[in-house]
Amino acid sequence: MTAEPKPAKKILRILLDANALFVPLKFKFDIFEELETLINGSFELILLSPIKKELERLATNESTKMRKNALYALNLAEKCRLVEVDHQLNAAPDDIILQVAGEWNCPVFTNDKKLRKKLRDINVPVIYVRQKSRLEIDGRR
């Protein structure tokens, strides 16, 4: 009798809000290492096209400090998979994240309290910074 092959582990997709890419600057820790520790499995970081556009806008239209931070965030975004999303021109990035996270049933990494509450209201797990020193997930399935 031969053993059945183990099913391939599913890669967890994690959506990133723009502010997730500012975490290393604000809290001085590596989000990629922290995510590896938190998830303890395979994952893929997803940056939706409207979020990238938001970062690009911040990198050109804001104060010098914000431009610098946004450029840093865009550099980090290169480590993520960019997913083009058809969206209404007037849709806010948070609304797009809510829609995609609900459809894909995947966690979102954000520190935005309003967005976190909206995500939890639709039963989407949320990854956020806890005690300014580590990541935590709320609503893990």
Protein backbone atom coordinates (compact mmCIF):
# COMPACT_ATOMS: atom_id res chain seq x y z
CA MET A 1 0.00 0.00 0.00
CA THR A 2 1.44 3.39 -0.98
CA ALA A 3 0.98 6.56 0.98
CA GLU A 4 -1.16 9.22 -0.61
CA PRO A 5 0.71 12.41 -1.53
CA LYS A 6 0.13 15.29 0.81
CA PRO A 7 -2.02 18.03 -0.70
CA ALA A 8 -0.08 21.15 -1.60
CA LYS A 9 -0.39 23.86 1.02
CA LYS A 10 -2.49 26.76 -0.11
CA ILE A 11 -0.66 30.07 -0.25
CA LEU A 12 -2.38 32.69 1.85
CA ARG A 13 -2.96 35.96 0.04
CA ILE A 14 -2.63 39.09 2.20
CA LEU A 15 -3.88 42.45 0.94
CA LEU A 16 -1.85 45.49 1.95
CA ASP A 17 -3.26 48.89 2.77
CA ALA A 18 -0.91 51.78 1.98
CA ASN A 19 -0.17 52.40 5.65
CA ALA A 20 1.16 48.84 6.07
CA LEU A 21 4.13 49.85 3.95
CA PHE A 22 4.88 52.77 6.30
CA VAL A 23 5.18 50.46 9.34
CA PRO A 24 8.96 49.87 9.00
CA LEU A 25 9.56 53.63 9.06
CA LYS A 26 7.19 54.35 11.92
CA PHE A 27 7.82 51.36 14.20
CA LYS A 28 11.32 50.30 13.12
CA PHE A 29 10.76 46.62 12.41
CA ASP A 30 10.79 44.42 9.32
CA ILE A 31 7.21 43.64 8.29
CA PHE A 32 8.30 40.75 6.06
CA GLU A 33 10.06 38.93 8.92
CA GLU A 34 7.17 39.69 11.28
CA LEU A 35 4.66 38.32 8.78
CA GLU A 36 6.69 35.12 8.40
CA THR A 37 6.60 34.67 12.18
CA LEU A 38 2.89 35.51 12.44
CA ILE A 39 1.64 33.43 9.51
CA ASN A 40 4.02 30.49 9.98
CA GLY A 41 3.31 29.29 6.46
CA SER A 42 3.29 30.33 2.83
CA PHE A 43 1.84 33.71 1.98
CA GLU A 44 1.82 36.22 -0.84
CA LEU A 45 1.58 39.97 -0.29
CA ILE A 46 -0.84 41.64 -2.68
CA LEU A 47 -0.83 45.33 -3.54
CA LEU A 48 -3.92 46.44 -5.41
CA SER A 49 -3.36 48.94 -8.23
CA PRO A 50 -5.43 51.73 -6.56
CA ILE A 51 -3.25 51.45 -3.45
CA LYS A 52 -0.11 51.78 -5.55
CA LYS A 53 -1.64 54.82 -7.27
CA GLU A 54 -2.35 56.31 -3.83
CA LEU A 55 1.31 55.84 -2.85
CA GLU A 56 2.46 57.37 -6.16
CA ARG A 57 0.24 60.39 -5.52
CA LEU A 58 1.70 60.80 -2.03
CA ALA A 59 5.21 60.53 -3.51
CA THR A 60 4.60 63.50 -5.79
CA ASN A 61 1.99 65.77 -4.20
CA GLU A 62 2.73 65.91 -0.48
CA SER A 63 5.26 67.40 1.94
CA THR A 64 8.94 66.53 1.59
CA LYS A 65 8.79 64.05 4.49
CA MET A 66 5.67 62.34 3.13
CA ARG A 67 7.18 62.15 -0.37
CA LYS A 68 10.28 60.49 1.08
CA ASN A 69 8.17 58.03 3.10
CA ALA A 70 5.95 57.25 0.11
CA LEU A 71 8.99 56.56 -2.07
CA TYR A 72 10.27 54.17 0.61
CA ALA A 73 6.85 52.47 0.68
CA LEU A 74 6.85 52.16 -3.11
CA ASN A 75 10.27 50.53 -2.90
CA LEU A 76 8.88 47.98 -0.40
CA ALA A 77 5.90 47.47 -2.70
CA GLU A 78 8.27 46.00 -5.28
CA LYS A 79 8.38 42.86 -3.06
CA CYS A 80 4.61 42.44 -3.46
CA ARG A 81 2.51 41.18 -6.33
CA LEU A 82 0.68 44.01 -8.02
CA VAL A 83 -2.89 43.16 -8.94
CA GLU A 84 -4.74 45.39 -11.36
CA VAL A 85 -8.26 46.06 -10.16
CA ASP A 86 -11.09 47.46 -12.21
CA HIS A 87 -12.61 50.06 -9.97
CA GLN A 88 -14.88 53.03 -10.20
CA LEU A 89 -12.95 56.25 -10.62
CA ASN A 90 -14.45 57.75 -7.46
CA ALA A 91 -14.11 54.65 -5.25
CA ALA A 92 -11.92 55.21 -2.21
CA PRO A 93 -8.96 52.83 -1.78
CA ASP A 94 -10.47 51.54 1.49
CA ASP A 95 -13.71 50.66 -0.30
CA ILE A 96 -11.77 48.75 -2.94
CA ILE A 97 -9.85 46.84 -0.24
CA LEU A 98 -13.15 45.98 1.48
CA GLN A 99 -14.65 44.70 -1.74
CA VAL A 100 -11.64 42.60 -2.80
CA ALA A 101 -10.97 41.21 0.70
CA GLY A 102 -14.61 40.16 0.94
CA GLU A 103 -14.55 38.51 -2.49
CA TRP A 104 -11.20 36.77 -1.99
CA ASN A 105 -11.80 35.94 1.68
CA CYS A 106 -8.25 36.95 2.58
CA PRO A 107 -6.70 38.95 5.44
CA VAL A 108 -5.76 42.61 5.14
CA PHE A 109 -2.71 44.24 6.72
CA THR A 110 -3.70 47.73 7.88
CA ASN A 111 -3.37 50.02 10.89
CA ASP A 112 -6.34 52.17 9.88
CA LYS A 113 -8.83 51.76 12.76
CA LYS A 114 -11.90 52.61 10.68
CA LEU A 115 -10.90 50.15 7.95
CA ARG A 116 -10.09 47.48 10.55
CA LYS A 117 -13.58 47.80 12.04
CA LYS A 118 -15.26 47.63 8.63
CA LEU A 119 -13.22 44.54 7.74
CA ARG A 120 -14.07 42.81 11.02
CA ASP A 121 -17.75 43.69 10.45
CA ILE A 122 -17.65 41.55 7.29
CA ASN A 123 -15.58 38.80 9.01
CA VAL A 124 -12.30 39.53 7.23
CA PRO A 125 -9.16 38.83 9.31
CA VAL A 126 -7.01 41.90 9.95
CA ILE A 127 -3.26 42.07 10.52
CA TYR A 128 -2.12 45.14 12.46
CA VAL A 129 0.69 46.48 14.64
CA ARG A 130 0.32 45.59 18.31
CA GLN A 131 2.14 47.52 21.07
CA LYS A 132 4.31 49.27 18.45
CA SER A 133 6.57 46.24 18.31
CA ARG A 134 4.92 43.27 16.60
CA LEU A 135 2.16 42.18 14.27
CA GLU A 136 -1.01 40.52 15.36
CA ILE A 137 -3.95 39.03 13.50
CA ASP A 138 -7.55 39.53 14.54
CA GLY A 139 -10.10 37.06 13.21
CA ARG A 140 -7.83 34.24 12.05
CA ARG A 141 -9.77 31.39 10.56
